[in-house]
């Protein structure tokens, strides 16, 4: 939950253009998504089963994209997920 709070703190009250122009905010948000994705991978399957509506696989996959495909990260997608 701390990472979610940080993402909101770093990006709230910013328009899309402001967010994209603020490298520190973008980097901080991406880093916290990476932490969330890594944490998701460590959650027991029985716990995940209790929250079937959560997109566990997508969260972990997003982390993999952020870590391994860093130079082609689409800020539009990061911002859209941030605002979801």
N, C-alpha and C. Protein backbone atom coordinates (compact mmCIF):
# COMPACT_ATOMS: atom_id res chain seq x y z
N UNK A 1 0.81 -1.20 0.00
CA UNK A 1 0.00 0.00 0.00
C UNK A 1 0.86 1.26 0.00
N UNK A 2 2.04 1.19 0.59
CA UNK A 2 2.91 2.36 0.62
C UNK A 2 3.28 2.81 -0.79
N UNK A 3 3.52 1.86 -1.68
CA UNK A 3 3.88 2.22 -3.05
C UNK A 3 2.72 2.90 -3.77
N UNK A 4 1.52 2.43 -3.53
CA UNK A 4 0.34 3.06 -4.14
C UNK A 4 0.21 4.49 -3.64
N UNK A 5 0.39 4.67 -2.34
CA UNK A 5 0.32 6.02 -1.77
C UNK A 5 1.38 6.93 -2.38
N UNK A 6 2.58 6.39 -2.57
CA UNK A 6 3.65 7.19 -3.17
C UNK A 6 3.33 7.56 -4.61
N UNK A 7 2.80 6.61 -5.37
CA UNK A 7 2.43 6.89 -6.76
C UNK A 7 1.41 8.03 -6.81
N UNK A 8 0.42 7.96 -5.95
CA UNK A 8 -0.58 9.02 -5.91
C UNK A 8 0.05 10.35 -5.51
N UNK A 9 0.91 10.32 -4.51
CA UNK A 9 1.57 11.54 -4.03
C UNK A 9 2.42 12.18 -5.13
N UNK A 10 3.17 11.36 -5.86
CA UNK A 10 4.09 11.88 -6.87
C UNK A 10 3.40 12.37 -8.13
N UNK A 11 2.17 11.93 -8.37
CA UNK A 11 1.53 12.27 -9.64
C UNK A 11 0.23 13.05 -9.52
N UNK A 12 -0.31 13.16 -8.32
CA UNK A 12 -1.60 13.84 -8.19
C UNK A 12 -1.47 15.31 -8.58
N UNK A 13 -2.55 15.83 -9.02
CA UNK A 13 -2.67 17.24 -9.41
C UNK A 13 -1.77 17.61 -10.58
N UNK A 14 -1.31 16.63 -11.30
CA UNK A 14 -0.52 16.91 -12.50
C UNK A 14 -1.33 16.54 -13.72
N UNK A 15 -1.29 17.40 -14.71
CA UNK A 15 -1.87 17.04 -15.99
C UNK A 15 -0.95 16.01 -16.65
N UNK A 16 -1.42 15.43 -17.72
CA UNK A 16 -0.58 14.47 -18.44
C UNK A 16 0.72 15.12 -18.88
N UNK A 17 0.62 16.31 -19.45
CA UNK A 17 1.82 17.00 -19.94
C UNK A 17 2.78 17.34 -18.81
N UNK A 18 2.25 17.78 -17.68
CA UNK A 18 3.10 18.09 -16.53
C UNK A 18 3.81 16.83 -16.03
N UNK A 19 3.06 15.74 -15.98
CA UNK A 19 3.64 14.48 -15.54
C UNK A 19 4.78 14.05 -16.46
N UNK A 20 4.53 14.07 -17.76
CA UNK A 20 5.53 13.62 -18.72
C UNK A 20 6.77 14.52 -18.73
N UNK A 21 6.60 15.78 -18.40
CA UNK A 21 7.73 16.72 -18.38
C UNK A 21 8.53 16.64 -17.09
N UNK A 22 8.00 15.97 -16.09
CA UNK A 22 8.65 15.89 -14.78
C UNK A 22 9.36 14.54 -14.65
N UNK A 23 10.62 14.51 -15.07
CA UNK A 23 11.37 13.25 -15.06
C UNK A 23 11.43 12.61 -13.68
N UNK A 24 11.53 13.42 -12.65
CA UNK A 24 11.62 12.86 -11.30
C UNK A 24 10.32 12.16 -10.92
N UNK A 25 9.19 12.75 -11.25
CA UNK A 25 7.89 12.13 -10.96
C UNK A 25 7.73 10.84 -11.76
N UNK A 26 8.06 10.90 -13.04
CA UNK A 26 7.94 9.71 -13.89
C UNK A 26 8.82 8.58 -13.35
N UNK A 27 10.07 8.90 -13.04
CA UNK A 27 10.99 7.88 -12.52
C UNK A 27 10.51 7.31 -11.20
N UNK A 28 9.99 8.16 -10.32
CA UNK A 28 9.51 7.69 -9.01
C UNK A 28 8.29 6.79 -9.16
N UNK A 29 7.39 7.17 -10.03
CA UNK A 29 6.19 6.36 -10.26
C UNK A 29 6.58 5.01 -10.86
N UNK A 30 7.45 5.03 -11.86
CA UNK A 30 7.89 3.77 -12.47
C UNK A 30 8.55 2.88 -11.44
N UNK A 31 9.41 3.43 -10.61
CA UNK A 31 10.09 2.62 -9.59
C UNK A 31 9.09 1.96 -8.65
N UNK A 32 8.06 2.69 -8.26
CA UNK A 32 7.07 2.12 -7.35
C UNK A 32 6.22 1.06 -8.04
N UNK A 33 5.95 1.21 -9.33
CA UNK A 33 5.28 0.14 -10.07
C UNK A 33 6.17 -1.11 -10.13
N UNK A 34 7.47 -0.91 -10.27
CA UNK A 34 8.39 -2.05 -10.27
C UNK A 34 8.33 -2.80 -8.94
N UNK A 35 8.32 -2.05 -7.85
CA UNK A 35 8.26 -2.66 -6.51
C UNK A 35 6.95 -3.43 -6.34
N UNK A 36 5.85 -2.82 -6.78
CA UNK A 36 4.55 -3.50 -6.69
C UNK A 36 4.58 -4.80 -7.49
N UNK A 37 5.09 -4.74 -8.71
CA UNK A 37 5.14 -5.93 -9.56
C UNK A 37 5.98 -7.03 -8.96
N UNK A 38 7.08 -6.67 -8.34
CA UNK A 38 7.94 -7.66 -7.70
C UNK A 38 7.24 -8.26 -6.49
N UNK A 39 6.56 -7.44 -5.72
CA UNK A 39 5.83 -7.93 -4.54
C UNK A 39 4.71 -8.89 -4.95
N UNK A 40 4.03 -8.57 -6.05
CA UNK A 40 2.94 -9.42 -6.55
C UNK A 40 3.45 -10.83 -6.84
N UNK A 41 4.66 -10.93 -7.35
CA UNK A 41 5.23 -12.24 -7.68
C UNK A 41 5.46 -13.10 -6.45
N UNK A 42 5.52 -12.49 -5.28
CA UNK A 42 5.81 -13.22 -4.05
C UNK A 42 4.55 -13.57 -3.24
N UNK A 43 3.40 -13.15 -3.72
CA UNK A 43 2.14 -13.44 -3.03
C UNK A 43 1.75 -14.89 -3.29
N UNK A 44 1.38 -15.59 -2.26
CA UNK A 44 0.98 -16.99 -2.39
C UNK A 44 -0.25 -17.13 -3.28
N UNK A 45 -0.30 -18.22 -4.04
CA UNK A 45 -1.42 -18.46 -4.96
C UNK A 45 -2.75 -18.53 -4.21
N UNK A 46 -2.75 -19.09 -3.02
CA UNK A 46 -4.01 -19.18 -2.28
C UNK A 46 -4.52 -17.80 -1.89
N UNK A 47 -3.63 -16.87 -1.63
CA UNK A 47 -4.03 -15.50 -1.33
C UNK A 47 -4.56 -14.84 -2.60
N UNK A 48 -3.86 -15.02 -3.71
CA UNK A 48 -4.32 -14.46 -4.98
C UNK A 48 -5.71 -14.98 -5.33
N UNK A 49 -5.97 -16.24 -5.03
CA UNK A 49 -7.26 -16.84 -5.32
C UNK A 49 -8.41 -16.19 -4.58
N UNK A 50 -8.13 -15.63 -3.43
CA UNK A 50 -9.16 -14.94 -2.64
C UNK A 50 -9.53 -13.59 -3.26
N UNK A 51 -8.67 -13.09 -4.12
CA UNK A 51 -8.89 -11.79 -4.75
C UNK A 51 -8.78 -11.96 -6.27
N UNK A 52 -9.66 -12.79 -6.79
CA UNK A 52 -9.61 -13.16 -8.20
C UNK A 52 -9.85 -11.98 -9.14
N UNK A 53 -10.44 -10.90 -8.64
CA UNK A 53 -10.71 -9.74 -9.48
C UNK A 53 -9.46 -8.88 -9.73
N UNK A 54 -8.41 -9.11 -8.96
CA UNK A 54 -7.16 -8.38 -9.15
C UNK A 54 -6.39 -8.99 -10.31
N UNK A 55 -5.84 -8.15 -11.15
CA UNK A 55 -5.10 -8.61 -12.33
C UNK A 55 -3.64 -8.87 -11.95
N UNK A 56 -3.41 -9.95 -11.22
CA UNK A 56 -2.08 -10.28 -10.69
C UNK A 56 -1.05 -10.45 -11.80
N UNK A 57 -1.41 -11.22 -12.81
CA UNK A 57 -0.47 -11.52 -13.90
C UNK A 57 -0.08 -10.24 -14.65
N UNK A 58 -1.05 -9.36 -14.86
CA UNK A 58 -0.78 -8.12 -15.56
C UNK A 58 0.14 -7.21 -14.76
N UNK A 59 -0.05 -7.16 -13.44
CA UNK A 59 0.82 -6.34 -12.58
C UNK A 59 2.26 -6.84 -12.64
N UNK A 60 2.43 -8.15 -12.57
CA UNK A 60 3.77 -8.72 -12.65
C UNK A 60 4.37 -8.50 -14.04
N UNK A 61 3.56 -8.63 -15.07
CA UNK A 61 4.02 -8.42 -16.43
C UNK A 61 4.42 -6.99 -16.69
N UNK A 62 3.67 -6.05 -16.11
CA UNK A 62 4.01 -4.64 -16.26
C UNK A 62 5.37 -4.35 -15.63
N UNK A 63 5.62 -4.96 -14.50
CA UNK A 63 6.92 -4.82 -13.84
C UNK A 63 8.03 -5.31 -14.76
N UNK A 64 7.81 -6.44 -15.42
CA UNK A 64 8.82 -7.00 -16.31
C UNK A 64 9.11 -6.05 -17.47
N UNK A 65 8.08 -5.44 -18.02
CA UNK A 65 8.27 -4.47 -19.10
C UNK A 65 9.08 -3.28 -18.60
N UNK A 66 8.74 -2.78 -17.42
CA UNK A 66 9.45 -1.62 -16.87
C UNK A 66 10.92 -1.92 -16.62
N UNK A 67 11.21 -3.12 -16.14
CA UNK A 67 12.59 -3.49 -15.82
C UNK A 67 13.40 -3.81 -17.08
N UNK A 68 12.83 -4.58 -17.99
CA UNK A 68 13.60 -5.12 -19.10
C UNK A 68 13.50 -4.33 -20.40
N UNK A 69 12.52 -3.47 -20.51
CA UNK A 69 12.31 -2.73 -21.75
C UNK A 69 12.27 -1.24 -21.45
N UNK A 70 13.15 -0.81 -20.56
CA UNK A 70 13.10 0.54 -19.99
C UNK A 70 13.12 1.64 -21.04
N UNK A 71 13.90 1.49 -22.09
CA UNK A 71 14.06 2.57 -23.04
C UNK A 71 12.88 2.74 -23.99
N UNK A 72 11.92 1.86 -23.92
CA UNK A 72 10.73 2.02 -24.77
C UNK A 72 9.45 2.13 -23.94
N UNK A 73 9.59 2.55 -22.69
CA UNK A 73 8.41 2.71 -21.83
C UNK A 73 7.55 3.84 -22.38
N UNK A 74 6.27 3.58 -22.50
CA UNK A 74 5.30 4.55 -22.99
C UNK A 74 4.71 5.30 -21.80
N UNK A 75 5.04 6.59 -21.70
CA UNK A 75 4.53 7.40 -20.58
C UNK A 75 3.01 7.48 -20.58
N UNK A 76 2.40 7.35 -21.76
CA UNK A 76 0.93 7.33 -21.84
C UNK A 76 0.36 6.18 -21.02
N UNK A 77 0.98 5.01 -21.15
CA UNK A 77 0.49 3.83 -20.43
C UNK A 77 0.74 4.00 -18.94
N UNK A 78 1.93 4.47 -18.57
CA UNK A 78 2.23 4.69 -17.15
C UNK A 78 1.22 5.65 -16.54
N UNK A 79 0.95 6.74 -17.22
CA UNK A 79 0.01 7.74 -16.69
C UNK A 79 -1.40 7.17 -16.62
N UNK A 80 -1.81 6.43 -17.64
CA UNK A 80 -3.16 5.86 -17.65
C UNK A 80 -3.34 4.90 -16.47
N UNK A 81 -2.34 4.07 -16.20
CA UNK A 81 -2.42 3.16 -15.07
C UNK A 81 -2.41 3.94 -13.76
N UNK A 82 -1.62 4.99 -13.71
CA UNK A 82 -1.55 5.82 -12.51
C UNK A 82 -2.91 6.43 -12.18
N UNK A 83 -3.65 6.80 -13.20
CA UNK A 83 -4.94 7.46 -13.00
C UNK A 83 -6.10 6.48 -12.87
N UNK A 84 -5.84 5.18 -13.04
CA UNK A 84 -6.92 4.18 -13.00
C UNK A 84 -7.49 4.03 -11.61
